[in-house]
Amino acid sequence: MLPTFETSGEIAIESIVSHRLAPHNLTRGELVSLKSPVKPNRIICKRIIGLPGDVVCVDPTGSKAPSVEHVIVPKGHIWIAGDNAACSTDSRDYGPVSMGLIRGRIIARVCCLYLSLKSV
């Protein structure tokens, strides 16, 4: 999720409860955590690009599909993308994702400071 999240030194805080209480209250642009559609034992973090019924461009960058190709997101699904399009595996690769795979919403990120103390 570069550039939004660094590869190390940051922690994402997710709200599982808010998603369980209002699963259809998702918005475009929101970050979510979900089970990977291709590796179910892995949790991924992606941005919601399209909601059910939306018409989305499959790949605006044109690197994985023609930039003129569009799809309608089916009912019960979302279209997701990573912030680092060049290195992301997302809906451009596996298509619309079932909303049942969503774990929670990312509500905050915490930047951790690592202090190195030398003994004197």
N, C-alpha and C. Protein backbone atom coordinates (compact mmCIF):
# COMPACT_ATOMS: atom_id res chain seq x y z
N MET A 1 0.82 -1.20 0.00
CA MET A 1 0.00 0.00 0.00
C MET A 1 0.86 1.26 0.00
N LEU A 2 2.09 1.15 -0.49
CA LEU A 2 2.88 2.36 -0.67
C LEU A 2 2.13 3.27 -1.63
N PRO A 3 2.09 4.55 -1.51
CA PRO A 3 2.77 5.39 -0.55
C PRO A 3 1.98 5.63 0.73
N THR A 4 0.74 5.10 0.83
CA THR A 4 -0.07 5.34 2.02
C THR A 4 0.56 4.74 3.27
N PHE A 5 1.03 3.50 3.18
CA PHE A 5 1.68 2.84 4.30
C PHE A 5 3.11 2.51 3.92
N GLU A 6 4.01 2.68 4.86
CA GLU A 6 5.41 2.31 4.65
C GLU A 6 5.52 0.79 4.73
N THR A 7 6.63 0.23 4.27
CA THR A 7 6.82 -1.21 4.31
C THR A 7 7.13 -1.70 5.72
N SER A 8 7.60 -0.81 6.58
CA SER A 8 7.85 -1.19 7.98
C SER A 8 7.73 0.06 8.85
N GLY A 9 7.53 -0.17 10.14
CA GLY A 9 7.50 0.95 11.07
C GLY A 9 6.15 1.61 11.25
N GLU A 10 5.10 1.06 10.63
CA GLU A 10 3.76 1.60 10.81
C GLU A 10 2.78 0.48 11.14
N ILE A 11 1.76 0.85 11.88
CA ILE A 11 0.73 -0.12 12.27
C ILE A 11 -0.61 0.41 11.77
N ALA A 12 -1.39 -0.45 11.13
CA ALA A 12 -2.74 -0.08 10.70
C ALA A 12 -3.72 -0.53 11.78
N ILE A 13 -4.63 0.35 12.13
CA ILE A 13 -5.66 0.01 13.12
C ILE A 13 -6.97 -0.18 12.35
N GLU A 14 -7.54 -1.36 12.52
CA GLU A 14 -8.78 -1.66 11.80
C GLU A 14 -9.95 -1.77 12.76
N SER A 15 -11.12 -1.40 12.27
CA SER A 15 -12.35 -1.53 13.04
C SER A 15 -13.16 -2.66 12.45
N ILE A 16 -13.17 -3.77 13.13
CA ILE A 16 -13.95 -4.92 12.69
C ILE A 16 -15.42 -4.74 13.08
N VAL A 17 -15.64 -4.12 14.23
CA VAL A 17 -17.00 -3.94 14.75
C VAL A 17 -17.82 -3.04 13.83
N SER A 18 -17.25 -1.90 13.38
CA SER A 18 -18.04 -0.98 12.54
C SER A 18 -18.46 -1.64 11.23
N HIS A 19 -17.60 -2.51 10.71
CA HIS A 19 -17.98 -3.20 9.47
C HIS A 19 -19.06 -4.25 9.74
N ARG A 20 -18.96 -4.95 10.87
CA ARG A 20 -19.96 -5.98 11.19
C ARG A 20 -21.33 -5.36 11.45
N LEU A 21 -21.35 -4.16 12.06
CA LEU A 21 -22.62 -3.51 12.36
C LEU A 21 -23.25 -2.86 11.13
N ALA A 22 -22.43 -2.40 10.19
CA ALA A 22 -22.95 -1.74 9.00
C ALA A 22 -22.15 -2.16 7.77
N PRO A 23 -22.29 -3.43 7.35
CA PRO A 23 -21.45 -3.93 6.26
C PRO A 23 -21.70 -3.26 4.91
N HIS A 24 -22.86 -2.68 4.71
CA HIS A 24 -23.14 -2.04 3.42
C HIS A 24 -22.93 -0.52 3.47
N ASN A 25 -22.27 -0.06 4.52
CA ASN A 25 -22.01 1.36 4.67
C ASN A 25 -20.59 1.70 4.22
N LEU A 26 -20.13 1.06 3.15
CA LEU A 26 -18.78 1.30 2.63
C LEU A 26 -18.81 2.49 1.68
N THR A 27 -17.66 3.17 1.55
CA THR A 27 -17.57 4.31 0.64
C THR A 27 -16.37 4.17 -0.28
N ARG A 28 -16.47 4.76 -1.45
CA ARG A 28 -15.35 4.79 -2.38
C ARG A 28 -14.19 5.55 -1.75
N GLY A 29 -12.99 5.05 -1.92
CA GLY A 29 -11.81 5.70 -1.37
C GLY A 29 -11.42 5.19 0.00
N GLU A 30 -12.30 4.43 0.63
CA GLU A 30 -12.04 3.90 1.98
C GLU A 30 -11.04 2.74 1.92
N LEU A 31 -10.19 2.65 2.93
CA LEU A 31 -9.26 1.52 3.05
C LEU A 31 -9.91 0.41 3.86
N VAL A 32 -9.79 -0.82 3.36
CA VAL A 32 -10.35 -1.97 4.08
C VAL A 32 -9.30 -3.07 4.18
N SER A 33 -9.48 -3.90 5.19
CA SER A 33 -8.67 -5.13 5.29
C SER A 33 -9.59 -6.27 4.89
N LEU A 34 -9.04 -7.23 4.17
CA LEU A 34 -9.85 -8.35 3.71
C LEU A 34 -8.99 -9.58 3.47
N LYS A 35 -9.66 -10.73 3.40
CA LYS A 35 -8.97 -11.96 3.04
C LYS A 35 -8.63 -11.89 1.56
N SER A 36 -7.43 -12.30 1.22
CA SER A 36 -7.03 -12.29 -0.18
C SER A 36 -7.90 -13.27 -0.96
N PRO A 37 -8.41 -12.86 -2.13
CA PRO A 37 -9.22 -13.76 -2.95
C PRO A 37 -8.41 -14.91 -3.53
N VAL A 38 -7.09 -14.75 -3.63
CA VAL A 38 -6.25 -15.79 -4.22
C VAL A 38 -5.45 -16.57 -3.19
N LYS A 39 -5.22 -15.99 -2.01
CA LYS A 39 -4.53 -16.66 -0.91
C LYS A 39 -5.34 -16.42 0.36
N PRO A 40 -6.39 -17.22 0.61
CA PRO A 40 -7.33 -16.98 1.71
C PRO A 40 -6.71 -16.92 3.11
N ASN A 41 -5.51 -17.47 3.29
CA ASN A 41 -4.88 -17.41 4.61
C ASN A 41 -4.13 -16.09 4.82
N ARG A 42 -4.18 -15.20 3.84
CA ARG A 42 -3.45 -13.93 3.90
C ARG A 42 -4.43 -12.76 3.99
N ILE A 43 -4.12 -11.78 4.85
CA ILE A 43 -4.93 -10.57 4.99
C ILE A 43 -4.26 -9.46 4.18
N ILE A 44 -5.06 -8.75 3.38
CA ILE A 44 -4.53 -7.67 2.56
C ILE A 44 -5.24 -6.36 2.91
N CYS A 45 -4.64 -5.26 2.54
CA CYS A 45 -5.21 -3.93 2.75
C CYS A 45 -5.31 -3.26 1.39
N LYS A 46 -6.51 -2.83 1.00
CA LYS A 46 -6.72 -2.21 -0.31
C LYS A 46 -7.72 -1.06 -0.19
N ARG A 47 -7.75 -0.23 -1.22
CA ARG A 47 -8.67 0.90 -1.29
C ARG A 47 -9.88 0.52 -2.15
N ILE A 48 -11.07 0.89 -1.69
CA ILE A 48 -12.29 0.63 -2.46
C ILE A 48 -12.39 1.64 -3.60
N ILE A 49 -12.47 1.12 -4.82
CA ILE A 49 -12.60 1.96 -6.00
C ILE A 49 -14.04 1.97 -6.52
N GLY A 50 -14.70 0.81 -6.44
CA GLY A 50 -16.07 0.72 -6.93
C GLY A 50 -16.95 -0.09 -6.01
N LEU A 51 -18.21 0.32 -5.94
CA LEU A 51 -19.23 -0.34 -5.13
C LEU A 51 -20.21 -1.06 -6.06
N PRO A 52 -21.08 -1.92 -5.52
CA PRO A 52 -22.04 -2.64 -6.36
C PRO A 52 -22.82 -1.69 -7.27
N GLY A 53 -22.87 -2.03 -8.56
CA GLY A 53 -23.58 -1.22 -9.54
C GLY A 53 -22.73 -0.16 -10.22
N ASP A 54 -21.54 0.13 -9.69
CA ASP A 54 -20.66 1.12 -10.31
C ASP A 54 -20.05 0.58 -11.60
N VAL A 55 -19.80 1.47 -12.54
CA VAL A 55 -19.04 1.14 -13.74
C VAL A 55 -17.63 1.63 -13.48
N VAL A 56 -16.66 0.71 -13.52
CA VAL A 56 -15.27 1.08 -13.24
C VAL A 56 -14.37 0.72 -14.42
N CYS A 57 -13.33 1.51 -14.58
CA CYS A 57 -12.31 1.20 -15.57
C CYS A 57 -11.45 0.08 -15.00
N VAL A 58 -11.28 -1.00 -15.74
CA VAL A 58 -10.54 -2.16 -15.25
C VAL A 58 -9.11 -1.76 -14.85
N ASP A 59 -8.44 -1.00 -15.70
CA ASP A 59 -7.07 -0.58 -15.40
C ASP A 59 -6.77 0.78 -15.99
N PRO A 60 -6.96 1.84 -15.20
CA PRO A 60 -6.70 3.18 -15.71
C PRO A 60 -5.26 3.39 -16.18
N THR A 61 -4.32 2.62 -15.65
CA THR A 61 -2.91 2.77 -16.04
C THR A 61 -2.64 2.13 -17.40
N GLY A 62 -3.49 1.18 -17.79
CA GLY A 62 -3.29 0.48 -19.06
C GLY A 62 -2.21 -0.58 -19.04
N SER A 63 -1.64 -0.87 -17.87
CA SER A 63 -0.54 -1.84 -17.79
C SER A 63 -1.01 -3.29 -17.76
N LYS A 64 -2.23 -3.55 -17.25
CA LYS A 64 -2.72 -4.93 -17.15
C LYS A 64 -3.91 -5.21 -18.06
N ALA A 65 -4.57 -4.16 -18.51
CA ALA A 65 -5.72 -4.28 -19.41
C ALA A 65 -5.86 -2.96 -20.16
N PRO A 66 -6.50 -2.97 -21.31
CA PRO A 66 -6.68 -1.70 -22.04
C PRO A 66 -7.43 -0.69 -21.17
N SER A 67 -6.99 0.55 -21.18
CA SER A 67 -7.61 1.57 -20.31
C SER A 67 -9.03 1.94 -20.75
N VAL A 68 -9.50 1.37 -21.85
CA VAL A 68 -10.87 1.63 -22.29
C VAL A 68 -11.83 0.52 -21.85
N GLU A 69 -11.30 -0.52 -21.21
CA GLU A 69 -12.14 -1.64 -20.76
C GLU A 69 -12.82 -1.28 -19.43
N HIS A 70 -14.14 -1.43 -19.39
CA HIS A 70 -14.92 -1.12 -18.20
C HIS A 70 -15.78 -2.32 -17.80
N VAL A 71 -16.09 -2.41 -16.50
CA VAL A 71 -16.97 -3.47 -15.99
C VAL A 71 -17.97 -2.87 -15.02
N ILE A 72 -19.09 -3.56 -14.85
CA ILE A 72 -20.06 -3.18 -13.82
C ILE A 72 -19.81 -4.07 -12.62
N VAL A 73 -19.62 -3.45 -11.45
CA VAL A 73 -19.37 -4.22 -10.22
C VAL A 73 -20.67 -4.90 -9.82
N PRO A 74 -20.64 -6.25 -9.72
CA PRO A 74 -21.88 -6.98 -9.38
C PRO A 74 -22.35 -6.74 -7.95
N LYS A 75 -23.62 -7.02 -7.73
CA LYS A 75 -24.21 -6.92 -6.39
C LYS A 75 -23.42 -7.80 -5.44
N GLY A 76 -23.14 -7.30 -4.23
CA GLY A 76 -22.42 -8.07 -3.22
C GLY A 76 -20.91 -8.08 -3.42
N HIS A 77 -20.41 -7.24 -4.32
CA HIS A 77 -18.98 -7.18 -4.61
C HIS A 77 -18.46 -5.74 -4.59
N ILE A 78 -17.14 -5.60 -4.51
CA ILE A 78 -16.48 -4.31 -4.60
C ILE A 78 -15.31 -4.43 -5.56
N TRP A 79 -14.83 -3.29 -6.04
CA TRP A 79 -13.63 -3.24 -6.87
C TRP A 79 -12.55 -2.59 -6.02
N ILE A 80 -11.41 -3.26 -5.85
CA ILE A 80 -10.36 -2.75 -4.98
C ILE A 80 -9.07 -2.52 -5.76
N ALA A 81 -8.24 -1.62 -5.21
CA ALA A 81 -6.94 -1.34 -5.83
C ALA A 81 -5.94 -0.98 -4.75
N GLY A 82 -4.70 -1.31 -4.99
CA GLY A 82 -3.62 -0.89 -4.12
C GLY A 82 -3.16 0.49 -4.53
N ASP A 83 -2.61 1.26 -3.59
CA ASP A 83 -2.17 2.61 -3.89
C ASP A 83 -0.94 2.65 -4.79
N ASN A 84 -0.15 1.60 -4.77
CA ASN A 84 1.04 1.52 -5.62
C ASN A 84 0.69 0.63 -6.81
N ALA A 85 0.04 1.22 -7.82
CA ALA A 85 -0.51 0.45 -8.94
C ALA A 85 0.53 -0.42 -9.65
N ALA A 86 1.75 0.06 -9.75
CA ALA A 86 2.78 -0.68 -10.48
C ALA A 86 3.12 -2.02 -9.82
N CYS A 87 2.95 -2.11 -8.51
CA CYS A 87 3.34 -3.33 -7.79
C CYS A 87 2.17 -4.03 -7.12
N SER A 88 0.96 -3.59 -7.35
CA SER A 88 -0.19 -4.13 -6.62
C SER A 88 -0.87 -5.26 -7.37
N THR A 89 -1.30 -6.26 -6.60
CA THR A 89 -2.19 -7.30 -7.11
C THR A 89 -3.56 -6.96 -6.54
N ASP A 90 -4.52 -6.72 -7.41
CA ASP A 90 -5.82 -6.23 -6.95
C ASP A 90 -6.91 -6.63 -7.95
N SER A 91 -8.01 -5.90 -7.98
CA SER A 91 -9.13 -6.26 -8.86
C SER A 91 -8.76 -6.23 -10.33
N ARG A 92 -7.70 -5.54 -10.70
CA ARG A 92 -7.24 -5.59 -12.09
C ARG A 92 -6.80 -6.99 -12.45
N ASP A 93 -6.37 -7.77 -11.44
CA ASP A 93 -5.92 -9.14 -11.65
C ASP A 93 -7.02 -10.17 -11.43
N TYR A 94 -7.80 -10.00 -10.34
CA TYR A 94 -8.79 -11.03 -10.02
C TYR A 94 -10.24 -10.57 -10.10
N GLY A 95 -10.49 -9.38 -10.60
CA GLY A 95 -11.86 -8.93 -10.82
C GLY A 95 -12.56 -8.46 -9.56
N PRO A 96 -13.89 -8.34 -9.61
CA PRO A 96 -14.65 -7.89 -8.44
C PRO A 96 -14.45 -8.86 -7.26
N VAL A 97 -14.44 -8.32 -6.06
CA VAL A 97 -14.19 -9.09 -4.85
C VAL A 97 -15.46 -9.15 -4.01
N SER A 98 -15.78 -10.33 -3.51
CA SER A 98 -16.96 -10.50 -2.66
C SER A 98 -16.83 -9.66 -1.39
N MET A 99 -17.92 -8.99 -1.03
CA MET A 99 -17.93 -8.20 0.21
C MET A 99 -17.80 -9.10 1.43
N GLY A 100 -18.07 -10.39 1.27
CA GLY A 100 -17.92 -11.34 2.36
C GLY A 100 -16.47 -11.55 2.79
N LEU A 101 -15.52 -11.13 1.96
CA LEU A 101 -14.11 -11.27 2.30
C LEU A 101 -13.59 -10.12 3.16
N ILE A 102 -14.39 -9.04 3.27
CA ILE A 102 -13.95 -7.88 4.05
C ILE A 102 -13.91 -8.22 5.53
N ARG A 103 -12.79 -7.87 6.16
CA ARG A 103 -12.60 -8.07 7.60
C ARG A 103 -12.97 -6.83 8.39
N GLY A 104 -12.54 -5.67 7.91
CA GLY A 104 -12.81 -4.44 8.64
C GLY A 104 -12.35 -3.22 7.87
N ARG A 105 -12.59 -2.08 8.47
CA ARG A 105 -12.18 -0.81 7.90
C ARG A 105 -10.88 -0.35 8.56
N ILE A 106 -9.99 0.23 7.77
CA ILE A 106 -8.78 0.81 8.35
C ILE A 106 -9.18 2.21 8.83
N ILE A 107 -9.03 2.44 10.14
CA ILE A 107 -9.48 3.71 10.70
C ILE A 107 -8.33 4.63 11.10
N ALA A 108 -7.12 4.08 11.19
CA ALA A 108 -5.97 4.91 11.57
C ALA A 108 -4.68 4.19 11.24
N ARG A 109 -3.64 4.95 11.16
CA ARG A 109 -2.30 4.37 11.05
C ARG A 109 -1.44 5.02 12.11
N VAL A 110 -0.58 4.23 12.69
CA VAL A 110 0.29 4.71 13.76
C VAL A 110 1.72 4.57 13.29
N CYS A 111 2.43 5.68 13.32
CA CYS A 111 3.85 5.65 12.96
C CYS A 111 4.64 5.33 14.22
N CYS A 112 5.41 4.30 14.15
CA CYS A 112 6.18 3.87 15.32
C CYS A 112 7.58 4.47 15.26
N LEU A 113 8.05 4.90 16.41
CA LEU A 113 9.42 5.38 16.52
C LEU A 113 10.25 4.29 17.20
N TYR A 114 11.32 3.94 16.57
CA TYR A 114 12.22 2.96 17.17
C TYR A 114 13.44 3.71 17.67
N LEU A 115 13.64 3.67 18.95
CA LEU A 115 14.78 4.35 19.53
C LEU A 115 15.89 3.35 19.80
N SER A 116 17.05 3.71 19.44
CA SER A 116 18.20 2.86 19.71
C SER A 116 19.00 3.47 20.84
N LEU A 117 19.07 2.76 21.93
CA LEU A 117 19.80 3.24 23.09
C LEU A 117 21.10 2.46 23.22
N LYS A 118 22.18 3.17 23.30
CA LYS A 118 23.48 2.53 23.48
C LYS A 118 23.84 2.59 24.97
N SER A 119 24.39 1.53 25.45
CA SER A 119 24.81 1.55 26.86
C SER A 119 26.04 2.43 26.98
N VAL A 120 26.04 3.21 28.00
CA VAL A 120 27.14 4.17 28.19
C VAL A 120 28.17 3.63 29.15
